[in-house]
Structure formats: structure tokens, C-alpha cells
Amino acid sequence: MRIVFFGSPPFAVAALSALVAANQDIVGVVTQPDKPAGRGNQLKPPAVKVFAQAAGLDVLQPAKVRDGTLAQWLRERSPDLGVVAAYGRILTQEVLDVPALGCVNLHASLLPRWRGASPIARAIAAGDRASGVCLMQMDAGLDTGAVLDRVVVPIGPDETTPQLEERLAAAGAQLLVRRLADLEARSLVAVPQPSEGVSVAPPIDKHEGLLDFTKPASHLHAQVRGLQPWPGCSFACAAAPGEQWKVAPEDLLVGDHRAEPGTVAATDRQHVWIACGEGSLGVAWLQRPGKNRAPAPDVVRGVRRGLGDALWQTT
């Protein structure tokens, strides 16, 4: 088949790489424009662009998708199928209608749960036990199309967003390649999404990384793992007014200590146990502003906080 591919972040590279490895005819790759990044605001290309150019593929980075330019570019290439994986923009019906077989999307959730931009982070932060990838027939809505096939991927108890994203990307790429012949033959049955169980995964906002120790420890454990690498999770430290201390996801534990939320409930050689609304959060690594990450017991001793002392500033 003649395939046009839409995608931007590393998640999408796995699918594009699998198509190339399967000797598919990639007639064009559409990705987002380069964006400023880093301290110097240097323009950084999307991961898909880097891979596509290295593979010698034709790349388009439209600033807009609704002005007709993209649709015309696609028509000039006469694609049989459009494949979308985390492109980052909603495609118009005009664009979706160009490929003879339509467009399919690899979405990293078990639809209709977590439609939208941040399904992996939302699933982990919500404490979901499983995620997955849906191969869906695209329509003009936000991840509302009928599902052609899916793969279920359990979420590990200590898994972070980057770790799960890597596994989902591989699973989605395998699903896509396995179903290419069926897509060409139009033999897959498109199952409409149920109206029950719909949830939306909007982009993550920076304030969502603030920890509230009145919540259960299990909730905070999921929050810290889910909101990686950005924005990360932190709390206002009562022992160092004005400082936000970051909590690392590595070696993070949930305990059953009981004390006033936000106080030091216990310490051991590896963890500081911070009391929560239910149970306690065992923190192994903390990072103060402008400093490197360090063992949590050392950081807490450095501000002379011990058992029963407040570590979290509530206001």
C-alpha cells in the first residue's frame, strides 16, 4: 500500500519504523513544526522528522491543517492509507477523505477511556491497572472513531509514564503491522465505541504536579509515577520556606504509618515516610531547587527535621 504517516513524538517513531521495516511504500510523512526547546530556545525537530529524514522519506511540517495545503499535498501523493500515531492535531474531514482506505489511528489507551492528548500519564496517575493501544478508524472527532482492533497492556505497580509509553509504542507498532493486510482487504470489523466509560485526557498542566498529602498515599504514588518526566511532582517544604522539593519516582513506596498528613511518620536508611490522608509515602529521593537529587533521609536531616515534624507546607 501507499501510506502517508502522521506523527510527532518518540511514541510515533516505533510505528513508522515498523512500517519501514515491513517494506511499506511510505509516500509522505506529516509531523509538527520544529519547536523551541532548552535554555537557548533552539529549534528542535520532532522525533518523527529526525527518523523520517534519516530514512530518506518526504516530510511535511504544516503550520496549519485547515487551509487546504495539507489536503492538496496528500492528493498529489495518492495514498491508499493514512496512519496516525500521536500527531498532535485534529485532522479535518477533507484530509481524512484523501486516502482511498481512509485513515487509521494508533491511540495509547483502551477507548473510550482516556480520549485526548495525555492518555498514558492520565492512566497511571488515575491508578489504572491496564492500558493498551487501539487501532481505530478515524473520524473528525477527538478519538471518537470505531475501533478495529486493540491490545491490552498491564500497568506495572512501579511503572512510570516513559516506561509504559515505550512498551505501548512497541505494542502499537506490532498491532499495526499485523493488521496491514486486513486493512488493505477491508476485512476488519469497525466496532463503535460505547457511550459508557468515556473519559478525556487533556494535556497535563504544571500545577497538577503539586502533591497534597491529605490524599491517600496510593494516590500520590500514582501521581508521582504518572507525571513523569514533566512536570514532575513536588511539594512546598515547611522546613525551607519558599522551596518546592521534587519527589523522584524511583524506589517510591506506600506504607501504613499513621500521623498528621505532611509530617515525618518514620525514617529508615533508605526512605523518609511522609504521612498521608491514608497511609504513608516512602520517599527515597528528593531534590531541592538548584541542587542534584539526593537520598531523602540525608536531605531531611540537612534541614533538621525528624519524627513528627512537619515537612509539607499546606499554604
C-alpha atoms as a PDB file:
ATOM      1  CA  MET A   1       0.000   0.000   0.000  1.00  0.00           C
ATOM      2  CA  ARG A   2       0.907   3.625  -0.496  1.00  0.00           C
ATOM      3  CA  ILE A   3       0.896   5.004   3.042  1.00  0.00           C
ATOM      4  CA  VAL A   4       1.103   8.531   4.385  1.00  0.00           C
ATOM      5  CA  PHE A   5       2.141   8.707   8.033  1.00  0.00           C
ATOM      6  CA  PHE A   6       1.201  11.348  10.626  1.00  0.00           C
ATOM      7  CA  GLY A   7       3.118  11.509  13.908  1.00  0.00           C
ATOM      8  CA  SER A   8       5.425  13.630  16.031  1.00  0.00           C
ATOM      9  CA  PRO A   9       6.889  12.287  19.338  1.00  0.00           C
ATOM     10  CA  PRO A  10       9.043   9.220  20.034  1.00  0.00           C
ATOM     11  CA  PHE A  11       5.884   7.134  20.585  1.00  0.00           C
ATOM     12  CA  ALA A  12       5.119   7.517  16.866  1.00  0.00           C
ATOM     13  CA  VAL A  13       8.620   6.573  15.722  1.00  0.00           C
ATOM     14  CA  ALA A  14       8.044   2.931  16.665  1.00  0.00           C
ATOM     15  CA  ALA A  15       5.086   2.685  14.276  1.00  0.00           C
ATOM     16  CA  LEU A  16       6.862   4.468  11.428  1.00  0.00           C
ATOM     17  CA  SER A  17       9.961   2.338  11.923  1.00  0.00           C
ATOM     18  CA  ALA A  18       7.826  -0.818  11.806  1.00  0.00           C
ATOM     19  CA  LEU A  19       6.229   0.289   8.526  1.00  0.00           C
ATOM     20  CA  VAL A  20       9.644   0.944   7.014  1.00  0.00           C
ATOM     21  CA  ALA A  21      10.913  -2.438   8.228  1.00  0.00           C
ATOM     22  CA  ALA A  22       7.845  -4.078   6.656  1.00  0.00           C
ATOM     23  CA  ASN A  23       8.844  -2.556   3.282  1.00  0.00           C
ATOM     24  CA  GLN A  24       5.686  -0.477   3.006  1.00  0.00           C
ATOM     25  CA  ASP A  25       5.605   2.336   0.471  1.00  0.00           C
ATOM     26  CA  ILE A  26       5.719   5.457   2.665  1.00  0.00           C
ATOM     27  CA  VAL A  27       4.823   8.248   0.230  1.00  0.00           C
ATOM     28  CA  GLY A  28       4.950  11.039   2.805  1.00  0.00           C
ATOM     29  CA  VAL A  29       5.373  11.841   6.499  1.00  0.00           C
ATOM     30  CA  VAL A  30       3.465  14.664   8.202  1.00  0.00           C
ATOM     31  CA  THR A  31       4.732  15.960  11.521  1.00  0.00           C
ATOM     32  CA  GLN A  32       4.536  19.066  13.672  1.00  0.00           C
ATOM     33  CA  PRO A  33       6.793  22.095  13.080  1.00  0.00           C
ATOM     34  CA  ASP A  34      10.125  22.371  14.878  1.00  0.00           C
ATOM     35  CA  LYS A  35       9.685  23.958  18.306  1.00  0.00           C
ATOM     36  CA  PRO A  36      11.995  25.948  20.627  1.00  0.00           C
ATOM     37  CA  ALA A  37      13.499  23.833  23.390  1.00  0.00           C
ATOM     38  CA  GLY A  38      16.176  24.074  26.054  1.00  0.00           C
ATOM     39  CA  ARG A  39      17.746  27.097  27.689  1.00  0.00           C
ATOM     40  CA  GLY A  40      18.732  28.668  24.397  1.00  0.00           C
ATOM     41  CA  ASN A  41      15.309  28.102  22.801  1.00  0.00           C
ATOM     42  CA  GLN A  42      16.987  26.379  19.882  1.00  0.00           C
ATOM     43  CA  LEU A  43      14.540  24.904  17.369  1.00  0.00           C
ATOM     44  CA  LYS A  44      14.216  21.162  17.934  1.00  0.00           C
ATOM     45  CA  PRO A  45      12.683  18.869  15.296  1.00  0.00           C
ATOM     46  CA  PRO A  46      10.093  16.250  16.275  1.00  0.00           C
ATOM     47  CA  ALA A  47      11.445  12.742  16.734  1.00  0.00           C
ATOM     48  CA  VAL A  48       9.446  11.553  13.718  1.00  0.00           C
ATOM     49  CA  LYS A  49      11.097  14.137  11.479  1.00  0.00           C
ATOM     50  CA  VAL A  50      14.565  13.031  12.581  1.00  0.00           C
ATOM     51  CA  PHE A  51      13.773   9.387  11.821  1.00  0.00           C
ATOM     52  CA  ALA A  52      11.968  10.128   8.553  1.00  0.00           C
ATOM     53  CA  GLN A  53      14.776  12.246   7.145  1.00  0.00           C
ATOM     54  CA  ALA A  54      17.350   9.624   8.104  1.00  0.00           C
ATOM     55  CA  ALA A  55      15.223   7.064   6.238  1.00  0.00           C
ATOM     56  CA  GLY A  56      15.033   9.307   3.170  1.00  0.00           C
ATOM     57  CA  LEU A  57      11.288   9.942   3.459  1.00  0.00           C
ATOM     58  CA  ASP A  58       9.463  13.028   2.224  1.00  0.00           C
ATOM     59  CA  VAL A  59       8.478  15.206   5.210  1.00  0.00           C
ATOM     60  CA  LEU A  60       5.883  17.970   5.540  1.00  0.00           C
ATOM     61  CA  GLN A  61       5.514  20.159   8.657  1.00  0.00           C
ATOM     62  CA  PRO A  62       2.358  22.218   8.093  1.00  0.00           C
ATOM     63  CA  ALA A  63       1.741  25.173  10.383  1.00  0.00           C
ATOM     64  CA  LYS A  64      -1.996  24.705   9.752  1.00  0.00           C
ATOM     65  CA  VAL A  65      -4.131  21.729   8.791  1.00  0.00           C
ATOM     66  CA  ARG A  66      -7.288  23.600   7.760  1.00  0.00           C
ATOM     67  CA  ASP A  67      -6.080  25.884   4.971  1.00  0.00           C
ATOM     68  CA  GLY A  68      -6.167  23.231   2.252  1.00  0.00           C
ATOM     69  CA  THR A  69      -2.393  22.979   1.821  1.00  0.00           C
ATOM     70  CA  LEU A  70      -2.090  19.658   3.630  1.00  0.00           C
ATOM     71  CA  ALA A  71      -5.011  18.104   1.755  1.00  0.00           C
ATOM     72  CA  GLN A  72      -3.530  19.153  -1.575  1.00  0.00           C
ATOM     73  CA  TRP A  73      -0.097  17.784  -0.623  1.00  0.00           C
ATOM     74  CA  LEU A  74      -1.737  14.475   0.203  1.00  0.00           C
ATOM     75  CA  ARG A  75      -3.759  14.332  -3.009  1.00  0.00           C
ATOM     76  CA  GLU A  76      -0.562  14.767  -5.007  1.00  0.00           C
ATOM     77  CA  ARG A  77       0.754  11.549  -3.423  1.00  0.00           C
ATOM     78  CA  SER A  78      -2.401   9.436  -3.953  1.00  0.00           C
ATOM     79  CA  PRO A  79      -2.116   7.432  -0.718  1.00  0.00           C
ATOM     80  CA  ASP A  80      -4.087   4.260  -0.133  1.00  0.00           C
ATOM     81  CA  LEU A  81      -3.994   4.602   3.651  1.00  0.00           C
ATOM     82  CA  GLY A  82      -3.283   7.246   6.263  1.00  0.00           C
ATOM     83  CA  VAL A  83      -1.683   6.077   9.519  1.00  0.00           C
ATOM     84  CA  VAL A  84      -1.762   8.430  12.506  1.00  0.00           C
ATOM     85  CA  ALA A  85       0.176   7.971  15.756  1.00  0.00           C
ATOM     86  CA  ALA A  86       0.298  10.877  18.223  1.00  0.00           C
ATOM     87  CA  TYR A  87       0.376  13.541  15.529  1.00  0.00           C
ATOM     88  CA  GLY A  88      -0.903  16.138  17.987  1.00  0.00           C
ATOM     89  CA  ARG A  89      -3.573  17.839  15.872  1.00  0.00           C
ATOM     90  CA  ILE A  90      -7.135  17.001  14.885  1.00  0.00           C
ATOM     91  CA  LEU A  91      -7.357  16.291  11.163  1.00  0.00           C
ATOM     92  CA  THR A  92     -10.166  17.743   9.064  1.00  0.00           C
ATOM     93  CA  GLN A  93     -12.628  15.578   7.191  1.00  0.00           C
ATOM     94  CA  GLU A  94     -11.084  16.878   3.959  1.00  0.00           C
ATOM     95  CA  VAL A  95      -7.736  15.390   4.992  1.00  0.00           C
ATOM     96  CA  LEU A  96      -9.253  12.145   6.266  1.00  0.00           C
ATOM     97  CA  ASP A  97     -11.043  11.600   2.959  1.00  0.00           C
ATOM     98  CA  VAL A  98      -7.915  11.749   0.793  1.00  0.00           C
ATOM     99  CA  PRO A  99      -6.555   8.206   1.307  1.00  0.00           C
ATOM    100  CA  ALA A 100      -8.613   5.634  -0.591  1.00  0.00           C
ATOM    101  CA  LEU A 101      -8.918   3.421   2.509  1.00  0.00           C
ATOM    102  CA  GLY A 102      -9.289   6.317   4.924  1.00  0.00           C
ATOM    103  CA  CYS A 103      -7.112   6.989   7.974  1.00  0.00           C
ATOM    104  CA  VAL A 104      -6.458   4.818  10.995  1.00  0.00           C
ATOM    105  CA  ASN A 105      -5.079   5.937  14.327  1.00  0.00           C
ATOM    106  CA  LEU A 106      -2.978   4.202  16.961  1.00  0.00           C
ATOM    107  CA  HIS A 107      -4.249   5.602  20.268  1.00  0.00           C
ATOM    108  CA  ALA A 108      -2.500   4.684  23.514  1.00  0.00           C
ATOM    109  CA  SER A 109      -5.491   3.829  25.671  1.00  0.00           C
ATOM    110  CA  LEU A 110      -8.384   1.406  25.928  1.00  0.00           C
ATOM    111  CA  LEU A 111     -11.012   3.572  24.298  1.00  0.00           C
ATOM    112  CA  PRO A 112     -13.391   5.125  25.164  1.00  0.00           C
ATOM    113  CA  ARG A 113     -11.314   5.665  28.322  1.00  0.00           C
ATOM    114  CA  TRP A 114      -8.757   8.454  28.015  1.00  0.00           C
ATOM    115  CA  ARG A 115      -9.527  10.130  24.726  1.00  0.00           C
ATOM    116  CA  GLY A 116      -7.153  13.024  24.126  1.00  0.00           C
ATOM    117  CA  ALA A 117      -3.571  14.191  24.349  1.00  0.00           C
ATOM    118  CA  SER A 118      -2.205  12.553  27.534  1.00  0.00           C
ATOM    119  CA  PRO A 119      -3.725   9.075  27.849  1.00  0.00           C
ATOM    120  CA  ILE A 120      -0.647   7.320  29.244  1.00  0.00           C
ATOM    121  CA  ALA A 121       0.061   9.809  32.027  1.00  0.00           C
ATOM    122  CA  ARG A 122      -3.629  10.003  32.920  1.00  0.00           C
ATOM    123  CA  ALA A 123      -3.962   6.235  33.131  1.00  0.00           C
ATOM    124  CA  ILE A 124      -1.036   5.860  35.526  1.00  0.00           C
ATOM    125  CA  ALA A 125      -1.961   8.879  37.643  1.00  0.00           C
ATOM    126  CA  ALA A 126      -5.525   7.597  37.983  1.00  0.00           C
ATOM    127  CA  GLY A 127      -4.284   4.251  39.253  1.00  0.00           C
ATOM    128  CA  ASP A 128      -5.477   2.214  36.267  1.00  0.00           C
ATOM    129  CA  ARG A 129      -4.250  -1.372  36.278  1.00  0.00           C
ATOM    130  CA  ALA A 130      -4.137  -1.689  32.496  1.00  0.00           C
ATOM    131  CA  SER A 131      -3.706   0.431  29.410  1.00  0.00           C
ATOM    132  CA  GLY A 132      -3.314  -0.556  25.788  1.00  0.00           C
ATOM    133  CA  VAL A 133      -3.391   0.577  22.191  1.00  0.00           C
ATOM    134  CA  CYS A 134      -6.460   0.844  19.984  1.00  0.00           C
ATOM    135  CA  LEU A 135      -6.299   0.731  16.206  1.00  0.00           C
ATOM    136  CA  MET A 136      -9.241   2.887  15.268  1.00  0.00           C
ATOM    137  CA  GLN A 137     -10.924   4.213  12.144  1.00  0.00           C
ATOM    138  CA  MET A 138     -10.542   7.972  12.277  1.00  0.00           C
ATOM    139  CA  ASP A 139     -13.344  10.489  12.094  1.00  0.00           C
ATOM    140  CA  ALA A 140     -13.349  14.238  12.663  1.00  0.00           C
ATOM    141  CA  GLY A 141     -13.883  13.908  16.441  1.00  0.00           C
ATOM    142  CA  LEU A 142     -11.343  13.610  19.249  1.00  0.00           C
ATOM    143  CA  ASP A 143     -10.500   9.889  19.300  1.00  0.00           C
ATOM    144  CA  THR A 144     -14.155   9.003  18.751  1.00  0.00           C
ATOM    145  CA  GLY A 145     -13.812   6.639  15.782  1.00  0.00           C
ATOM    146  CA  ALA A 146     -14.827   2.986  15.695  1.00  0.00           C
ATOM    147  CA  VAL A 147     -12.217   0.521  16.992  1.00  0.00           C
ATOM    148  CA  LEU A 148     -10.762  -2.003  14.540  1.00  0.00           C
ATOM    149  CA  ASP A 149      -8.547  -3.902  16.990  1.00  0.00           C
ATOM    150  CA  ARG A 150      -6.826  -3.415  20.316  1.00  0.00           C
ATOM    151  CA  VAL A 151      -4.090  -4.811  22.511  1.00  0.00           C
ATOM    152  CA  VAL A 152      -4.230  -4.708  26.319  1.00  0.00           C
ATOM    153  CA  VAL A 153      -1.043  -3.905  28.258  1.00  0.00           C
ATOM    154  CA  PRO A 154      -0.975  -4.276  32.085  1.00  0.00           C
ATOM    155  CA  ILE A 155       0.494  -1.334  34.004  1.00  0.00           C
ATOM    156  CA  GLY A 156       3.279  -2.338  36.387  1.00  0.00           C
ATOM    157  CA  PRO A 157       2.899  -1.296  40.043  1.00  0.00           C
ATOM    158  CA  ASP A 158       6.008   0.898  39.858  1.00  0.00           C
ATOM    159  CA  GLU A 159       5.845   1.863  36.174  1.00  0.00           C
ATOM    160  CA  THR A 160       6.319   5.467  35.082  1.00  0.00           C
ATOM    161  CA  THR A 161       4.932   7.209  32.020  1.00  0.00           C
ATOM    162  CA  PRO A 162       8.157   6.941  29.942  1.00  0.00           C
ATOM    163  CA  GLN A 163       8.428   3.233  30.730  1.00  0.00           C
ATOM    164  CA  LEU A 164       4.821   2.468  29.820  1.00  0.00           C
ATOM    165  CA  GLU A 165       4.995   4.685  26.737  1.00  0.00           C
ATOM    166  CA  GLU A 166       7.897   2.642  25.389  1.00  0.00           C
ATOM    167  CA  ARG A 167       6.010  -0.621  25.866  1.00  0.00           C
ATOM    168  CA  LEU A 168       2.806   0.767  24.341  1.00  0.00           C
ATOM    169  CA  ALA A 169       4.704   2.144  21.349  1.00  0.00           C
ATOM    170  CA  ALA A 170       6.142  -1.307  20.633  1.00  0.00           C
ATOM    171  CA  ALA A 171       2.768  -2.994  21.128  1.00  0.00           C
ATOM    172  CA  GLY A 172       1.048  -0.493  18.842  1.00  0.00           C
ATOM    173  CA  ALA A 173       3.654  -0.917  16.107  1.00  0.00           C
ATOM    174  CA  GLN A 174       3.233  -4.698  16.205  1.00  0.00           C
ATOM    175  CA  LEU A 175      -0.548  -4.365  16.095  1.00  0.00           C
ATOM    176  CA  LEU A 176      -0.391  -2.061  13.084  1.00  0.00           C
ATOM    177  CA  VAL A 177       1.925  -4.260  11.016  1.00  0.00           C
ATOM    178  CA  ARG A 178      -0.049  -7.386  11.930  1.00  0.00           C
ATOM    179  CA  ARG A 179      -3.249  -5.792  10.618  1.00  0.00           C
ATOM    180  CA  LEU A 180      -1.916  -4.161   7.430  1.00  0.00           C
ATOM    181  CA  ALA A 181      -3.156  -6.918   5.126  1.00  0.00           C
ATOM    182  CA  ASP A 182      -6.586  -6.832   6.785  1.00  0.00           C
ATOM    183  CA  LEU A 183      -6.737  -3.064   6.366  1.00  0.00           C
ATOM    184  CA  GLU A 184      -5.926  -3.410   2.683  1.00  0.00           C
ATOM    185  CA  ALA A 185      -8.589  -6.108   2.295  1.00  0.00           C
ATOM    186  CA  ARG A 186     -11.122  -4.049   4.284  1.00  0.00           C
ATOM    187  CA  SER A 187     -11.794  -7.173   6.348  1.00  0.00           C
ATOM    188  CA  LEU A 188     -11.625  -5.655   9.834  1.00  0.00           C
ATOM    189  CA  VAL A 189     -14.919  -5.009  11.598  1.00  0.00           C
ATOM    190  CA  ALA A 190     -15.115  -1.478  12.977  1.00  0.00           C
ATOM    191  CA  VAL A 191     -16.814  -1.575  16.391  1.00  0.00           C
ATOM    192  CA  PRO A 192     -18.317   1.760  17.517  1.00  0.00           C
ATOM    193  CA  GLN A 193     -17.116   2.946  20.899  1.00  0.00           C
ATOM    194  CA  PRO A 194     -19.661   2.542  23.708  1.00  0.00           C
ATOM    195  CA  SER A 195     -21.199   5.646  25.199  1.00  0.00           C
ATOM    196  CA  GLU A 196     -20.430   4.391  28.716  1.00  0.00           C
ATOM    197  CA  GLY A 197     -16.987   4.761  30.256  1.00  0.00           C
ATOM    198  CA  VAL A 198     -15.911   7.807  28.273  1.00  0.00           C
ATOM    199  CA  SER A 199     -13.136   9.884  29.846  1.00  0.00           C
ATOM    200  CA  VAL A 200     -10.923  12.624  28.447  1.00  0.00           C
ATOM    201  CA  ALA A 201      -7.149  13.020  28.818  1.00  0.00           C
ATOM    202  CA  PRO A 202      -6.347  16.720  28.307  1.00  0.00           C
ATOM    203  CA  PRO A 203      -2.741  17.952  28.232  1.00  0.00           C
ATOM    204  CA  ILE A 204      -1.040  17.879  31.636  1.00  0.00           C
ATOM    205  CA  ASP A 205      -0.869  21.242  33.404  1.00  0.00           C
ATOM    206  CA  LYS A 206       2.116  22.186  35.546  1.00  0.00           C
ATOM    207  CA  HIS A 207       0.022  22.688  38.685  1.00  0.00           C
ATOM    208  CA  GLU A 208      -1.052  19.037  38.577  1.00  0.00           C
ATOM    209  CA  GLY A 209       2.400  18.100  39.854  1.00  0.00           C
ATOM    210  CA  LEU A 210       1.760  19.622  43.290  1.00  0.00           C
ATOM    211  CA  LEU A 211       1.365  16.955  45.963  1.00  0.00           C
ATOM    212  CA  ASP A 212      -1.421  17.124  48.538  1.00  0.00           C
ATOM    213  CA  PHE A 213      -0.602  14.885  51.489  1.00  0.00           C
ATOM    214  CA  THR A 214      -4.210  14.858  52.705  1.00  0.00           C
ATOM    215  CA  LYS A 215      -4.847  12.414  49.859  1.00  0.00           C
ATOM    216  CA  PRO A 216      -4.169   8.664  50.152  1.00  0.00           C
ATOM    217  CA  ALA A 217      -0.574   7.520  49.752  1.00  0.00           C
ATOM    218  CA  SER A 218      -1.619   5.226  46.890  1.00  0.00           C
ATOM    219  CA  HIS A 219      -2.961   8.270  45.025  1.00  0.00           C
ATOM    220  CA  LEU A 220       0.300  10.185  45.465  1.00  0.00           C
ATOM    221  CA  HIS A 221       2.332   7.143  44.438  1.00  0.00           C
ATOM    222  CA  ALA A 222       0.387   7.001  41.161  1.00  0.00           C
ATOM    223  CA  GLN A 223       0.589  10.761  40.685  1.00  0.00           C
ATOM    224  CA  VAL A 224       4.379  10.826  41.003  1.00  0.00           C
ATOM    225  CA  ARG A 225       4.798   7.940  38.546  1.00  0.00           C
ATOM    226  CA  GLY A 226       2.309   9.330  36.062  1.00  0.00           C
ATOM    227  CA  LEU A 227       3.543  12.899  35.849  1.00  0.00           C
ATOM    228  CA  GLN A 228       6.999  11.992  34.585  1.00  0.00           C
ATOM    229  CA  PRO A 229       9.092  13.444  33.083  1.00  0.00           C
ATOM    230  CA  TRP A 230       7.017  16.631  33.040  1.00  0.00           C
ATOM    231  CA  PRO A 231       6.019  18.411  35.149  1.00  0.00           C
ATOM    232  CA  GLY A 232       7.285  16.064  37.836  1.00  0.00           C
ATOM    233  CA  CYS A 233       5.842  16.157  41.344  1.00  0.00           C
ATOM    234  CA  SER A 234       6.825  18.422  44.201  1.00  0.00           C
ATOM    235  CA  PHE A 235       5.608  19.908  47.463  1.00  0.00           C
ATOM    236  CA  ALA A 236       6.127  23.157  49.335  1.00  0.00           C
ATOM    237  CA  CYS A 237       8.562  22.384  52.136  1.00  0.00           C
ATOM    238  CA  ALA A 238       7.749  23.659  55.620  1.00  0.00           C
ATOM    239  CA  ALA A 239      11.402  23.264  56.633  1.00  0.00           C
ATOM    240  CA  ALA A 240      12.651  25.531  53.843  1.00  0.00           C
ATOM    241  CA  PRO A 241      10.104  28.308  53.204  1.00  0.00           C
ATOM    242  CA  GLY A 242       9.752  29.197  49.543  1.00  0.00           C
ATOM    243  CA  GLU A 243      11.262  25.935  48.296  1.00  0.00           C
ATOM    244  CA  GLN A 244       9.489  23.299  46.226  1.00  0.00           C
ATOM    245  CA  TRP A 245      11.027  19.871  46.782  1.00  0.00           C
ATOM    246  CA  LYS A 246      10.753  17.368  43.943  1.00  0.00           C
ATOM    247  CA  VAL A 247       9.890  13.761  44.677  1.00  0.00           C
ATOM    248  CA  ALA A 248      11.511  11.171  42.415  1.00  0.00           C
ATOM    249  CA  PRO A 249       9.553   8.073  41.335  1.00  0.00           C
ATOM    250  CA  GLU A 250      12.432   5.653  41.884  1.00  0.00           C
ATOM    251  CA  ASP A 251      12.073   3.336  44.908  1.00  0.00           C
ATOM    252  CA  LEU A 252       8.836   5.054  45.912  1.00  0.00           C
ATOM    253  CA  LEU A 253       6.769   3.007  48.373  1.00  0.00           C
ATOM    254  CA  VAL A 254       3.362   3.013  50.050  1.00  0.00           C
ATOM    255  CA  GLY A 255       3.217   2.249  53.779  1.00  0.00           C
ATOM    256  CA  ASP A 256       0.662   2.110  56.565  1.00  0.00           C
ATOM    257  CA  HIS A 257       2.119   4.637  59.014  1.00  0.00           C
ATOM    258  CA  ARG A 258      -0.451   6.939  60.622  1.00  0.00           C
ATOM    259  CA  ALA A 259       0.295  10.518  61.565  1.00  0.00           C
ATOM    260  CA  GLU A 260      -0.697  14.080  60.717  1.00  0.00           C
ATOM    261  CA  PRO A 261      -0.614  14.457  56.906  1.00  0.00           C
ATOM    262  CA  GLY A 262       2.599  16.058  55.712  1.00  0.00           C
ATOM    263  CA  THR A 263       4.646  15.140  58.790  1.00  0.00           C
ATOM    264  CA  VAL A 264       7.545  12.721  59.064  1.00  0.00           C
ATOM    265  CA  ALA A 265       5.896   9.472  60.125  1.00  0.00           C
ATOM    266  CA  ALA A 266       9.084   7.369  60.135  1.00  0.00           C
ATOM    267  CA  THR A 267      12.571   7.157  58.691  1.00  0.00           C
ATOM    268  CA  ASP A 268      14.898   4.324  57.802  1.00  0.00           C
ATOM    269  CA  ARG A 269      18.186   4.005  55.948  1.00  0.00           C
ATOM    270  CA  GLN A 270      16.597   4.458  52.515  1.00  0.00           C
ATOM    271  CA  HIS A 271      13.278   6.249  52.985  1.00  0.00           C
ATOM    272  CA  VAL A 272      11.538   9.118  54.664  1.00  0.00           C
ATOM    273  CA  TRP A 273       7.932   8.155  55.313  1.00  0.00           C
ATOM    274  CA  ILE A 274       5.613  11.132  54.909  1.00  0.00           C
ATOM    275  CA  ALA A 275       2.172  10.696  56.439  1.00  0.00           C
ATOM    276  CA  CYS A 276      -0.790  10.996  54.092  1.00  0.00           C
ATOM    277  CA  GLY A 277      -4.567  11.105  54.441  1.00  0.00           C
ATOM    278  CA  GLU A 278      -4.427   7.318  54.237  1.00  0.00           C
ATOM    279  CA  GLY A 279      -1.146   5.517  54.899  1.00  0.00           C
ATOM    280  CA  SER A 280       2.264   6.985  54.182  1.00  0.00           C
ATOM    281  CA  LEU A 281       4.512   7.664  51.199  1.00  0.00           C
ATOM    282  CA  GLY A 282       8.023   6.245  51.413  1.00  0.00           C
ATOM    283  CA  VAL A 283      10.251   8.712  49.560  1.00  0.00           C
ATOM    284  CA  ALA A 284      13.753   7.561  48.646  1.00  0.00           C
ATOM    285  CA  TRP A 285      14.954  10.576  46.628  1.00  0.00           C
ATOM    286  CA  LEU A 286      14.369  14.299  46.990  1.00  0.00           C
ATOM    287  CA  GLN A 287      15.654  17.278  45.048  1.00  0.00           C
ATOM    288  CA  ARG A 288      15.881  20.817  46.370  1.00  0.00           C
ATOM    289  CA  PRO A 289      15.871  23.793  43.971  1.00  0.00           C
ATOM    290  CA  GLY A 290      19.219  24.254  42.259  1.00  0.00           C
ATOM    291  CA  LYS A 291      20.647  21.032  43.677  1.00  0.00           C
ATOM    292  CA  ASN A 292      21.097  17.478  42.496  1.00  0.00           C
ATOM    293  CA  ARG A 293      18.787  14.701  43.557  1.00  0.00           C
ATOM    294  CA  ALA A 294      19.900  13.154  46.860  1.00  0.00           C
ATOM    295  CA  PRO A 295      18.808  10.401  49.283  1.00  0.00           C
ATOM    296  CA  ALA A 296      15.708  11.606  51.098  1.00  0.00           C
ATOM    297  CA  PRO A 297      16.961  10.788  54.644  1.00  0.00           C
ATOM    298  CA  ASP A 298      20.059  12.943  54.022  1.00  0.00           C
ATOM    299  CA  VAL A 299      18.005  15.856  52.657  1.00  0.00           C
ATOM    300  CA  VAL A 300      15.604  15.798  55.597  1.00  0.00           C
ATOM    301  CA  ARG A 301      18.411  15.583  58.156  1.00  0.00           C
ATOM    302  CA  GLY A 302      20.003  18.559  56.417  1.00  0.00           C
ATOM    303  CA  VAL A 303      17.057  20.766  57.427  1.00  0.00           C
ATOM    304  CA  ARG A 304      16.905  19.213  60.909  1.00  0.00           C
ATOM    305  CA  ARG A 305      13.566  17.559  60.539  1.00  0.00           C
ATOM    306  CA  GLY A 306      12.762  14.324  62.332  1.00  0.00           C
ATOM    307  CA  LEU A 307       9.955  12.113  63.533  1.00  0.00           C
ATOM    308  CA  GLY A 308       6.694  14.052  63.938  1.00  0.00           C
ATOM    309  CA  ASP A 309       7.995  17.253  62.343  1.00  0.00           C
ATOM    310  CA  ALA A 310       6.072  18.973  59.552  1.00  0.00           C
ATOM    311  CA  LEU A 311       7.679  18.586  56.152  1.00  0.00           C
ATOM    312  CA  TRP A 312       4.816  19.799  53.974  1.00  0.00           C
ATOM    313  CA  GLN A 313       3.711  23.421  53.935  1.00  0.00           C
ATOM    314  CA  THR A 314      -0.031  23.420  53.334  1.00  0.00           C
ATOM    315  CA  THR A 315      -0.420  27.091  52.388  1.00  0.00           C
END
